Amino acid sequence: MRYVVALIIDSEREDTVKVENKVRPNEEQMKGFLDGDADTPIYMVNLLKFKEKAEYEDGRKSDLSGQEAYAIYGQEVQGHLAKVGGKGVYGGQVSRLMLGEVEDLWDMVAIAMYPSKKAMLQMITDADYIESAKHRTAGLEGQLNIETKVGANVPFQ
C-alpha cells in the first residue's frame, strides 16, 4: 500500500513525501538497524494497517479479520517483550487525522519500548516469537515501524 503526501511549499512548487507500508524491513533497513549503538533504549512507533480478512502464509483457513489476527499477536507479544525487558507503552485506534493529508489512514498506533536494539533483535529471532509473528503477518496489510530514542533536546520524556 502506498501513500503519497503532498506538501505545498509555495504556489510555484510542490514537494511530495512517499509513504509506503511494509510488513518486513528490507535489507538496507535491517542493516541500518544492526549498525551503530545497540545498547540504548529504543521506542518503536508502529502505524498499523490491517487486512480486511486475515491471510496466513501457511495456508491455514481462518475466519478472523486482519485486526483480530493482529490482536492475537498483540496479546502474545506482551510476554515476548517482557522476556527481553521491554514493554508495550501505548496502543490505540486511529480516529482521524488532525494535521496533514494521507490517502488512507492507518488503523492503529502502537508503541513498544525495548531496553536496546540487542534486546529487540533477541526477541524477533526467538523461535517462540516467530511463531506468534505468524498472526502479525496474517493480519497486517502493512505498517510503518519508526525507531525512536530518547535524546538531548527532546521536549517530552
Protein backbone atom coordinates (compact mmCIF):
# COMPACT_ATOMS: atom_id res chain seq x y z
CA MET A 1 0.00 0.00 0.00
CA ARG A 2 1.38 3.41 -0.92
CA TYR A 3 0.56 6.83 0.42
CA VAL A 4 1.76 10.00 -1.22
CA VAL A 5 1.62 13.11 0.91
CA ALA A 6 1.80 16.41 -0.93
CA LEU A 7 3.46 19.27 0.91
CA ILE A 8 2.72 22.63 -0.66
CA ILE A 9 5.81 24.75 -0.03
CA ASP A 10 4.70 27.74 -2.12
CA SER A 11 2.45 28.39 -5.11
CA GLU A 12 5.33 27.74 -7.52
CA ARG A 13 6.48 24.37 -6.21
CA GLU A 14 5.01 21.13 -4.90
CA ASP A 15 7.12 18.57 -2.99
CA THR A 16 5.91 15.08 -2.19
CA VAL A 17 6.84 12.62 0.50
CA LYS A 18 6.41 8.95 -0.36
CA VAL A 19 4.99 6.76 2.41
CA GLU A 20 4.90 3.01 1.77
CA ASN A 21 3.59 0.47 4.29
CA LYS A 22 5.51 -2.82 4.55
CA VAL A 23 5.30 -5.96 6.68
CA ARG A 24 9.05 -6.70 6.81
CA PRO A 25 12.13 -4.46 6.67
CA ASN A 26 14.24 -4.54 3.52
CA GLU A 27 17.93 -5.46 3.61
CA GLU A 28 19.11 -1.85 3.87
CA GLN A 29 16.70 -1.09 6.73
CA MET A 30 17.81 -4.19 8.63
CA LYS A 31 21.47 -3.28 8.12
CA GLY A 32 20.76 0.21 9.48
CA PHE A 33 19.06 -1.34 12.49
CA LEU A 34 22.09 -3.52 13.20
CA ASP A 35 24.62 -0.68 12.75
CA GLY A 36 25.59 1.79 15.44
CA ASP A 37 24.54 1.95 19.06
CA ALA A 38 22.94 -1.35 20.03
CA ASP A 39 22.66 -0.66 23.79
CA THR A 40 20.49 2.49 24.08
CA PRO A 41 16.78 2.02 24.84
CA ILE A 42 14.50 2.46 21.81
CA TYR A 43 10.80 3.09 21.36
CA MET A 44 9.26 1.62 18.22
CA VAL A 45 6.27 3.55 16.91
CA ASN A 46 4.06 1.28 14.81
CA LEU A 47 1.49 2.73 12.42
CA LEU A 48 -0.65 -0.29 11.54
CA LYS A 49 -2.94 -1.00 8.58
CA PHE A 50 -4.96 -4.23 8.77
CA LYS A 51 -6.16 -6.57 6.05
CA GLU A 52 -9.91 -6.93 5.82
CA LYS A 53 -9.54 -10.71 6.29
CA ALA A 54 -6.54 -12.47 7.84
CA GLU A 55 -4.38 -14.43 5.41
CA TYR A 56 -1.95 -16.92 6.92
CA GLU A 57 1.21 -17.68 4.92
CA ASP A 58 0.97 -21.38 5.79
CA GLY A 59 -2.42 -21.54 4.04
CA ARG A 60 -4.48 -22.31 7.14
CA LYS A 61 -8.15 -21.44 6.94
CA SER A 62 -9.33 -18.60 9.13
CA ASP A 63 -12.47 -16.55 9.63
CA LEU A 64 -10.53 -13.87 11.52
CA SER A 65 -10.34 -10.29 10.37
CA GLY A 66 -6.87 -8.83 9.99
CA GLN A 67 -7.36 -6.85 13.19
CA GLU A 68 -8.46 -9.98 15.09
CA ALA A 69 -5.38 -11.90 13.92
CA TYR A 70 -3.16 -8.98 14.92
CA ALA A 71 -4.89 -8.87 18.33
CA ILE A 72 -3.71 -12.46 18.95
CA TYR A 73 -0.17 -11.33 18.14
CA GLY A 74 -0.65 -8.27 20.37
CA GLN A 75 -1.58 -10.45 23.35
CA GLU A 76 1.30 -12.85 22.79
CA VAL A 77 3.92 -10.17 22.11
CA GLN A 78 3.47 -8.80 25.64
CA GLY A 79 5.17 -11.93 27.01
CA HIS A 80 7.91 -11.77 24.37
CA LEU A 81 8.60 -8.13 25.23
CA ALA A 82 8.78 -8.94 28.96
CA LYS A 83 11.30 -11.76 28.31
CA VAL A 84 13.78 -9.20 26.91
CA GLY A 85 12.98 -6.40 29.38
CA GLY A 86 10.67 -4.45 27.07
CA LYS A 87 7.03 -3.47 27.34
CA GLY A 88 4.07 -2.15 25.43
CA VAL A 89 3.80 1.57 26.12
CA TYR A 90 0.70 2.59 24.18
CA GLY A 91 -1.87 1.23 21.78
CA GLY A 92 -4.88 2.98 20.29
CA GLN A 93 -7.25 3.14 17.34
CA VAL A 94 -6.66 5.93 14.84
CA SER A 95 -9.82 8.04 14.83
CA ARG A 96 -8.95 10.87 12.46
CA LEU A 97 -6.12 12.92 11.01
CA MET A 98 -5.64 16.17 12.90
CA LEU A 99 -2.95 17.65 10.63
CA GLY A 100 -1.64 16.82 7.17
CA GLU A 101 -3.06 14.65 4.45
CA VAL A 102 -2.84 10.97 3.53
CA GLU A 103 -4.88 8.95 1.08
CA ASP A 104 -5.85 6.38 3.71
CA LEU A 105 -5.33 6.49 7.48
CA TRP A 106 -3.67 3.75 9.47
CA ASP A 107 -6.00 1.74 11.68
CA MET A 108 -3.99 1.67 14.89
CA VAL A 109 -0.89 3.08 16.57
CA ALA A 110 1.22 1.01 18.97
CA ILE A 111 4.42 1.94 20.80
CA ALA A 112 6.78 -0.62 22.32
CA MET A 113 9.86 0.06 24.45
CA TYR A 114 12.94 -2.13 24.18
CA PRO A 115 15.90 -1.74 26.54
CA SER A 116 18.16 -1.88 23.46
CA LYS A 117 18.36 -2.88 19.82
CA LYS A 118 20.11 -6.03 21.02
CA ALA A 119 17.05 -6.91 23.11
CA MET A 120 14.71 -6.33 20.17
CA LEU A 121 16.88 -8.45 17.91
CA GLN A 122 16.95 -11.20 20.54
CA MET A 123 13.14 -11.10 20.68
CA ILE A 124 12.45 -11.13 16.94
CA THR A 125 14.84 -14.04 16.34
CA ASP A 126 13.39 -16.19 19.15
CA ALA A 127 11.51 -19.28 17.88
CA ASP A 128 8.51 -18.64 20.14
CA TYR A 129 8.23 -15.05 18.88
CA ILE A 130 8.49 -16.20 15.26
CA GLU A 131 5.52 -18.49 15.88
CA SER A 132 3.50 -15.60 17.34
CA ALA A 133 4.52 -13.33 14.47
CA LYS A 134 2.52 -15.51 12.07
CA HIS A 135 -0.59 -13.75 13.40
CA ARG A 136 1.08 -10.38 12.80
CA THR A 137 1.80 -11.06 9.14
CA ALA A 138 -1.63 -12.68 8.66
CA GLY A 139 -3.36 -9.56 9.92
CA LEU A 140 -1.23 -6.71 8.60
CA GLU A 141 -1.67 -5.17 5.20
CA GLY A 142 1.38 -3.12 6.11
CA GLN A 143 2.86 -0.74 8.62
CA LEU A 144 5.39 1.94 9.28
CA ASN A 145 7.78 0.97 12.07
CA ILE A 146 9.59 4.07 13.31
CA GLU A 147 12.63 3.64 15.58
CA THR A 148 12.99 6.42 18.14
CA LYS A 149 15.21 7.02 21.15
CA VAL A 150 15.30 9.50 23.98
CA GLY A 151 17.92 12.15 23.48
CA ALA A 152 19.05 15.65 24.27
CA ASN A 153 16.69 18.47 23.30
CA VAL A 154 13.63 16.21 23.17
CA PRO A 155 10.69 18.13 24.68
CA PHE A 156 8.74 15.18 26.10
CA GLN A 157 10.47 12.42 28.04
